[in-house]
């Protein structure tokens, strides 16, 4: 079903874009066959590793497939827009209208270019994004406290060891007090990814590096990955919390499992369990990979929830559809009752669809501030 779904845009492009072109039959057949091959990228990923989420090809090949696959999707979108516009024009003019080949050449070339730009923007080391949150009852000792949020690194053959090393170097240069990683660190098994993820052991922050699982950890043996994260010096939070201390004052840092956890026999996310035994009147920061359960967290008195999962929507326009699948949350800051929810665009994204257009990745440096009375 997965492969059929991703084959439909290719079929549409062949029928509505390639076939009407003024090319020789042999050329149309050859280009159509090439598109079919490119559209089956996820099938090749499954054959290479047993999972569509872990293409085990050289990085350049993964990038090439993403460019081809992305171009097919963009051409399909442009062709739908042109077809709908042409249909509307025919209804208004009450006569048949043909789509000129030069128009197809134009938006086809644009799609190829945008796909290349999208892949280029997706695979680089992200820039730093500074955000500031005002927290009610934040102890004075934590005013100006800095947290780095990393999320959706999707370490893989695309986001490989050199990329991870560069991210770690950039992260360590930010001078934060605490680092949190909110899930989807990997795509692949521990055996396949051990070398690529190894640089994360060099992440450094005075108050530690904490991690929660995302849905992709459950695709690749969550228990093995949680143990491996510990061996790299990261501290997992799975329906649990810890206290961060500064000058005798505290904040609560809590983390929950992913909503997909029960499908593989692991506990569902439980904010109440995560906060069991936490001191009263202490501000709570919650790590939850997916933002969709933010209302539940708000009811438990959480001050700030940090999430990822959506990749910011990846492409302007597409982000609106991704928001619909995530209770309206897709990118940036939301107020959910008295709680603030920050949905991170992600440090990277899934190598099965690695394009970014207008939704950049980010190294997110968070500064906590005391909320003044009445503000």
Protein backbone atom coordinates (compact mmCIF):
# COMPACT_ATOMS: atom_id res chain seq x y z
CA UNK A 1 0.00 0.00 0.00
CA UNK A 2 2.88 2.35 0.89
CA UNK A 3 4.53 1.84 -2.50
CA UNK A 4 1.21 2.13 -4.37
CA UNK A 5 0.51 5.47 -2.69
CA UNK A 6 3.86 6.89 -3.82
CA UNK A 7 3.39 5.43 -7.33
CA UNK A 8 0.23 7.42 -8.02
CA UNK A 9 1.98 10.81 -8.52
CA UNK A 10 4.36 9.12 -10.97
CA UNK A 11 1.46 7.63 -12.92
CA UNK A 12 -0.21 11.04 -13.08
CA UNK A 13 3.00 12.66 -14.34
CA UNK A 14 3.41 10.01 -17.06
CA UNK A 15 -0.19 10.33 -18.26
CA UNK A 16 -0.65 14.08 -18.00
CA UNK A 17 2.90 15.47 -18.39
CA UNK A 18 5.08 13.03 -20.35
CA UNK A 19 2.62 11.46 -22.76
CA UNK A 20 1.28 14.75 -24.27
CA UNK A 21 4.82 15.99 -24.95
CA UNK A 22 5.78 16.37 -28.66
CA UNK A 23 8.48 13.72 -28.36
CA UNK A 24 9.12 10.51 -30.22
CA UNK A 25 7.36 7.48 -28.78
CA UNK A 26 10.67 5.90 -27.82
CA UNK A 27 11.65 9.04 -25.89
CA UNK A 28 8.36 9.17 -23.99
CA UNK A 29 8.64 5.49 -23.12
CA UNK A 30 12.23 5.91 -21.95
CA UNK A 31 11.45 8.95 -19.78
CA UNK A 32 8.36 7.23 -18.39
CA UNK A 33 10.41 4.16 -17.46
CA UNK A 34 13.01 6.39 -15.79
CA UNK A 35 10.29 8.05 -13.71
CA UNK A 36 8.87 4.69 -12.67
CA UNK A 37 12.35 3.63 -11.50
CA UNK A 38 12.79 6.86 -9.53
CA UNK A 39 9.33 6.57 -7.96
CA UNK A 40 10.19 3.19 -6.42
CA UNK A 41 12.92 4.63 -4.20
CA UNK A 42 11.15 3.42 -1.06
CA UNK A 43 10.88 -0.11 -2.46
CA UNK A 44 14.64 -0.11 -3.04
CA UNK A 45 15.09 1.12 0.54
CA UNK A 46 13.04 -1.80 1.83
CA UNK A 47 15.07 -4.23 -0.27
CA UNK A 48 18.36 -2.75 0.94
CA UNK A 49 17.58 -2.88 4.66
CA UNK A 50 14.17 -4.45 5.23
CA UNK A 51 12.65 -1.05 6.00
CA UNK A 52 11.49 1.91 3.94
CA UNK A 53 12.90 4.12 6.70
CA UNK A 54 16.54 3.11 6.28
CA UNK A 55 17.91 3.29 2.72
CA UNK A 56 21.36 1.67 2.88
CA UNK A 57 22.90 3.33 -0.19
CA UNK A 58 25.85 5.73 -0.54
CA UNK A 59 24.93 9.27 0.47
CA UNK A 60 25.16 10.61 -3.08
CA UNK A 61 22.72 7.93 -4.27
CA UNK A 62 20.25 8.77 -1.49
CA UNK A 63 20.45 12.43 -2.47
CA UNK A 64 19.92 11.59 -6.14
CA UNK A 65 16.85 9.49 -5.34
CA UNK A 66 15.42 12.27 -3.18
CA UNK A 67 15.94 14.76 -5.99
CA UNK A 68 14.21 12.50 -8.53
CA UNK A 69 11.39 11.53 -6.20
CA UNK A 70 10.90 15.13 -5.13
CA UNK A 71 10.84 16.34 -8.73
CA UNK A 72 8.11 13.82 -9.57
CA UNK A 73 5.95 15.05 -6.69
CA UNK A 74 6.47 18.70 -7.61
CA UNK A 75 5.69 18.09 -11.29
CA UNK A 76 2.54 16.25 -10.23
CA UNK A 77 1.46 19.20 -8.07
CA UNK A 78 2.17 21.73 -10.84
CA UNK A 79 0.36 19.55 -13.39
CA UNK A 80 -2.72 19.31 -11.16
CA UNK A 81 -2.74 23.12 -10.82
CA UNK A 82 -2.41 23.57 -14.59
CA UNK A 83 -5.09 20.96 -15.29
CA UNK A 84 -7.52 22.58 -12.87
CA UNK A 85 -6.79 26.02 -14.31
CA UNK A 86 -7.29 24.74 -17.86
CA UNK A 87 -10.56 23.03 -16.91
CA UNK A 88 -11.85 26.24 -15.34
CA UNK A 89 -10.85 28.24 -18.43
CA UNK A 90 -12.64 25.73 -20.69
CA UNK A 91 -15.81 26.02 -18.61
CA UNK A 92 -15.67 29.81 -18.84
CA UNK A 93 -14.85 29.95 -22.56
CA UNK A 94 -16.96 26.89 -23.44
CA UNK A 95 -14.38 25.44 -25.78
CA UNK A 96 -11.55 22.92 -25.73
CA UNK A 97 -8.14 24.26 -24.74
CA UNK A 98 -4.81 22.48 -25.15
CA UNK A 99 -1.95 22.93 -22.72
CA UNK A 100 1.05 24.23 -24.69
CA UNK A 101 4.25 22.20 -24.51
CA UNK A 102 6.24 25.29 -23.52
CA UNK A 103 4.16 25.55 -20.33
CA UNK A 104 5.02 21.95 -19.48
CA UNK A 105 8.70 22.63 -20.18
CA UNK A 106 8.49 25.65 -17.90
CA UNK A 107 6.99 24.10 -14.81
CA UNK A 108 8.88 20.86 -15.40
CA UNK A 109 12.17 22.75 -15.32
CA UNK A 110 11.02 24.66 -12.25
CA UNK A 111 10.21 21.40 -10.46
CA UNK A 112 13.65 19.95 -11.24
CA UNK A 113 15.31 23.10 -9.94
CA UNK A 114 13.19 23.33 -6.79
CA UNK A 115 13.80 19.67 -5.99
CA UNK A 116 17.56 20.25 -6.23
CA UNK A 117 17.31 23.33 -3.99
CA UNK A 118 15.11 21.40 -1.56
CA UNK A 119 17.58 18.53 -1.20
CA UNK A 120 20.47 20.97 -0.79
CA UNK A 121 18.64 22.83 1.98
CA UNK A 122 17.69 19.56 3.68
CA UNK A 123 21.13 17.96 3.97
CA UNK A 124 23.19 20.82 5.41
CA UNK A 125 24.02 21.52 9.04
CA UNK A 126 21.21 23.79 10.26
CA UNK A 127 21.64 27.35 11.42
CA UNK A 128 21.08 28.40 15.02
CA UNK A 129 17.59 29.63 15.87
CA UNK A 130 17.24 31.57 19.11
CA UNK A 131 13.89 31.48 20.88
CA UNK A 132 12.90 32.84 24.27
CA UNK A 133 10.15 31.64 26.59
CA UNK A 134 8.75 33.47 29.61
CA UNK A 135 7.90 31.01 32.36
CA UNK A 136 5.60 31.80 35.26
CA UNK A 137 7.20 31.17 38.68
CA UNK A 138 10.60 30.50 37.12
CA UNK A 139 13.16 30.78 39.94
CA UNK A 140 15.48 33.79 39.56
CA UNK A 141 18.41 31.39 39.38
CA UNK A 142 17.06 30.09 36.05
CA UNK A 143 16.47 33.47 34.44
CA UNK A 144 18.63 33.35 31.30
CA UNK A 145 19.06 29.56 31.49
CA UNK A 146 19.84 28.15 28.04
CA UNK A 147 18.64 24.84 26.58
CA UNK A 148 19.56 23.38 23.21
CA UNK A 149 16.83 21.33 21.58
CA UNK A 150 17.86 18.84 18.92
CA UNK A 151 15.19 16.69 17.31
CA UNK A 152 14.58 14.48 14.30
CA UNK A 153 18.25 13.99 13.46
CA UNK A 154 17.36 10.83 11.51
CA UNK A 155 21.00 9.74 11.51
CA UNK A 156 21.36 7.49 8.49
CA UNK A 157 23.37 7.05 5.30
CA UNK A 158 22.16 10.54 4.35
CA UNK A 159 22.77 12.20 7.72
CA UNK A 160 25.95 10.27 8.33
CA UNK A 161 29.00 10.42 10.60
CA UNK A 162 30.58 13.60 9.12
CA UNK A 163 27.20 15.36 9.29
CA UNK A 164 26.70 14.25 12.91
CA UNK A 165 30.21 15.43 13.81
CA UNK A 166 29.46 18.86 12.33
CA UNK A 167 26.16 19.10 14.25
CA UNK A 168 27.90 18.15 17.51
CA UNK A 169 30.65 20.72 16.93
CA UNK A 170 28.09 23.45 16.22
CA UNK A 171 26.01 22.42 19.25
CA UNK A 172 28.92 22.44 21.67
CA UNK A 173 29.87 25.94 20.52
CA UNK A 174 26.52 27.40 21.64
CA UNK A 175 27.34 27.56 25.34
CA UNK A 176 24.06 26.12 26.63
CA UNK A 177 23.38 24.75 30.12
CA UNK A 178 21.37 21.71 29.02
CA UNK A 179 20.83 19.68 25.84
CA UNK A 180 17.60 17.80 25.10
CA UNK A 181 17.02 15.51 22.12
CA UNK A 182 13.32 14.99 21.43
CA UNK A 183 13.24 11.76 19.45
CA UNK A 184 13.82 10.28 16.01
CA UNK A 185 17.57 10.28 16.40
CA UNK A 186 18.12 7.41 13.97
CA UNK A 187 16.99 5.49 10.91
CA UNK A 188 18.45 2.00 11.05
CA UNK A 189 19.56 -0.66 13.48
CA UNK A 190 22.25 -0.19 16.13
CA UNK A 191 24.60 -2.32 14.01
CA UNK A 192 24.01 -0.21 10.89
CA UNK A 193 24.15 3.18 12.64
CA UNK A 194 26.73 2.74 15.40
CA UNK A 195 29.46 4.59 13.49
CA UNK A 196 27.19 7.36 12.21
CA UNK A 197 25.76 8.11 15.66
CA UNK A 198 29.04 7.79 17.58
CA UNK A 199 29.82 11.56 17.51
CA UNK A 200 26.79 12.22 19.75
CA UNK A 201 28.93 10.90 22.62
CA UNK A 202 30.83 14.21 22.36
CA UNK A 203 27.79 16.40 23.11
CA UNK A 204 28.59 18.46 26.19
CA UNK A 205 26.44 20.56 28.52
CA UNK A 206 26.97 21.28 32.26
CA UNK A 207 23.56 19.88 33.24
CA UNK A 208 23.68 16.89 30.90
CA UNK A 209 22.17 15.55 27.69
CA UNK A 210 18.67 14.06 27.92
CA UNK A 211 16.83 12.07 25.26
CA UNK A 212 13.36 10.67 24.61
CA UNK A 213 12.29 8.18 21.95
CA UNK A 214 10.48 9.19 18.78
CA UNK A 215 8.37 6.94 16.60
CA UNK A 216 11.40 5.89 14.52
CA UNK A 217 13.17 4.40 17.54
CA UNK A 218 10.28 1.95 17.77
CA UNK A 219 10.79 0.94 14.13
CA UNK A 220 14.32 -0.25 14.97
CA UNK A 221 14.27 -1.94 18.41
CA UNK A 222 13.62 0.84 20.90
CA UNK A 223 15.09 -1.07 23.84
CA UNK A 224 18.41 -1.59 22.05
CA UNK A 225 18.53 2.06 21.07
CA UNK A 226 17.76 3.35 24.57
CA UNK A 227 20.63 1.24 25.91
CA UNK A 228 22.91 2.54 23.17
CA UNK A 229 21.96 6.15 23.93
CA UNK A 230 22.98 5.53 27.55
CA UNK A 231 26.33 4.20 26.38
CA UNK A 232 26.84 7.49 24.50
CA UNK A 233 26.31 9.49 27.69
CA UNK A 234 22.71 10.53 27.05
CA UNK A 235 20.08 10.08 29.77
CA UNK A 236 16.74 8.66 28.57
CA UNK A 237 13.46 9.96 29.99
CA UNK A 238 10.57 7.59 29.29
CA UNK A 239 7.48 8.54 31.32
CA UNK A 240 9.87 9.85 33.95
CA UNK A 241 11.42 13.10 35.16
CA UNK A 242 14.49 14.57 36.73
CA UNK A 243 15.22 17.76 38.66
CA UNK A 244 17.60 20.33 37.26
CA UNK A 245 19.23 22.27 40.10
CA UNK A 246 20.78 25.72 40.02
CA UNK A 247 21.77 27.69 43.08
CA UNK A 248 19.42 25.71 45.32
CA UNK A 249 16.40 26.19 42.98
CA UNK A 250 14.90 23.59 40.65
CA UNK A 251 12.96 23.01 37.47
CA UNK A 252 11.39 19.70 36.46
CA UNK A 253 12.50 18.12 33.19
CA UNK A 254 10.14 15.32 32.17
CA UNK A 255 9.92 13.09 29.13
CA UNK A 256 7.35 10.66 27.74
CA UNK A 257 7.35 7.79 25.27
CA UNK A 258 5.93 8.17 21.77
CA UNK A 259 2.27 7.66 20.90
CA UNK A 260 3.29 4.76 18.63
CA UNK A 261 5.02 2.86 21.48
CA UNK A 262 2.12 0.46 22.25
CA UNK A 263 2.27 -0.94 18.71
CA UNK A 264 5.58 -2.59 19.61
CA UNK A 265 4.69 -3.55 23.15
CA UNK A 266 6.07 -0.49 24.98
CA UNK A 267 4.18 1.79 27.38
CA UNK A 268 2.08 4.61 25.93
CA UNK A 269 3.03 8.19 26.81
CA UNK A 270 1.81 9.05 30.31
CA UNK A 271 2.42 12.59 31.52
CA UNK A 272 0.88 11.87 34.91
CA UNK A 273 3.30 8.99 35.46
CA UNK A 274 6.20 11.09 34.21
CA UNK A 275 5.43 13.73 36.84
CA UNK A 276 4.72 11.34 39.71
CA UNK A 277 6.66 12.51 42.75
CA UNK A 278 7.69 15.83 41.22
CA UNK A 279 7.71 18.72 43.72
CA UNK A 280 4.77 21.11 43.68
CA UNK A 281 5.17 24.68 42.47
CA UNK A 282 8.23 23.92 40.34
CA UNK A 283 8.06 24.84 36.62
CA UNK A 284 7.81 21.79 34.36
CA UNK A 285 9.42 21.39 30.95
CA UNK A 286 8.08 18.34 29.09
CA UNK A 287 9.76 16.54 26.20
CA UNK A 288 7.23 14.82 23.92
CA UNK A 289 8.28 13.85 20.40
CA UNK A 290 4.85 14.42 18.84
CA UNK A 291 2.87 17.58 19.61
CA UNK A 292 -0.60 16.10 19.21
CA UNK A 293 -1.17 15.42 22.94
CA UNK A 294 -0.30 18.95 24.04
CA UNK A 295 -3.73 19.55 25.58
CA UNK A 296 -3.19 16.61 27.96
CA UNK A 297 0.16 18.02 29.04
CA UNK A 298 -1.36 21.44 29.63
CA UNK A 299 -3.94 19.89 31.98
CA UNK A 300 -1.09 18.44 34.05
CA UNK A 301 0.40 21.86 34.74
CA UNK A 302 3.27 21.72 32.24
CA UNK A 303 4.74 25.17 31.58
CA UNK A 304 6.62 24.41 28.36
CA UNK A 305 6.41 21.41 26.01
CA UNK A 306 9.16 20.81 23.45
CA UNK A 307 8.25 18.64 20.46
CA UNK A 308 9.35 17.79 16.93
CA UNK A 309 8.11 15.07 14.55
CA UNK A 310 6.52 17.34 11.93
CA UNK A 311 9.82 18.61 10.44
CA UNK A 312 8.07 21.96 10.27
CA UNK A 313 6.05 20.71 7.32
CA UNK A 314 9.19 20.64 5.12
CA UNK A 315 7.61 22.60 2.25
CA UNK A 316 5.43 25.70 2.34
CA UNK A 317 1.91 24.60 1.48
CA UNK A 318 2.56 20.99 2.47
CA UNK A 319 2.89 22.22 6.06
CA UNK A 320 -0.86 22.93 6.16
CA UNK A 321 -1.65 19.27 5.46
CA UNK A 322 0.90 18.05 8.02
CA UNK A 323 -0.66 20.38 10.59
CA UNK A 324 -4.03 18.71 10.01
CA UNK A 325 -2.49 15.36 11.00
CA UNK A 326 -1.02 16.85 14.20
CA UNK A 327 -3.97 18.62 15.84
CA UNK A 328 -3.04 21.83 14.02
CA UNK A 329 0.53 21.98 15.35
CA UNK A 330 3.33 21.98 12.79
CA UNK A 331 5.98 24.67 13.40
CA UNK A 332 6.87 27.24 16.02
CA UNK A 333 5.15 28.49 19.17
CA UNK A 334 1.58 27.70 20.23
CA UNK A 335 -0.31 28.59 23.40
CA UNK A 336 -2.25 25.60 24.70
CA UNK A 337 -4.18 26.83 27.71
CA UNK A 338 -1.56 28.18 30.12
CA UNK A 339 1.16 26.03 28.52
CA UNK A 340 3.54 27.04 25.75
CA UNK A 341 4.19 24.44 23.05
CA UNK A 342 7.20 24.73 20.79
CA UNK A 343 7.22 22.52 17.68
CA UNK A 344 10.75 22.35 16.32
CA UNK A 345 11.33 22.20 12.55
CA UNK A 346 13.91 19.48 13.21
CA UNK A 347 17.67 19.17 12.99
CA UNK A 348 17.29 16.94 9.91
CA UNK A 349 14.46 14.81 8.50
CA UNK A 350 13.54 11.37 7.19
CA UNK A 351 15.90 10.34 4.34
CA UNK A 352 12.90 8.95 2.47
CA UNK A 353 11.71 12.47 1.67
CA UNK A 354 14.56 14.89 2.27
CA UNK A 355 13.40 18.21 0.84
CA UNK A 356 13.02 21.58 2.52
CA UNK A 357 11.53 24.62 0.84
CA UNK A 358 10.73 27.55 3.11
CA UNK A 359 10.84 25.45 6.29
CA UNK A 360 14.49 25.39 7.38
CA UNK A 361 16.04 22.99 9.86
CA UNK A 362 17.26 24.48 13.11
CA UNK A 363 19.63 24.15 16.04
CA UNK A 364 17.25 25.58 18.61
CA UNK A 365 18.80 27.57 21.45
CA UNK A 366 16.13 28.26 24.05
CA UNK A 367 16.48 30.96 26.70
CA UNK A 368 14.20 30.78 29.76
CA UNK A 369 13.03 34.05 31.25
CA UNK A 370 11.02 34.93 34.33
CA UNK A 371 7.54 36.10 33.52
CA UNK A 372 6.90 39.40 35.20
CA UNK A 373 3.57 39.79 37.07
CA UNK A 374 0.73 40.82 34.77
CA UNK A 375 2.59 40.01 31.55
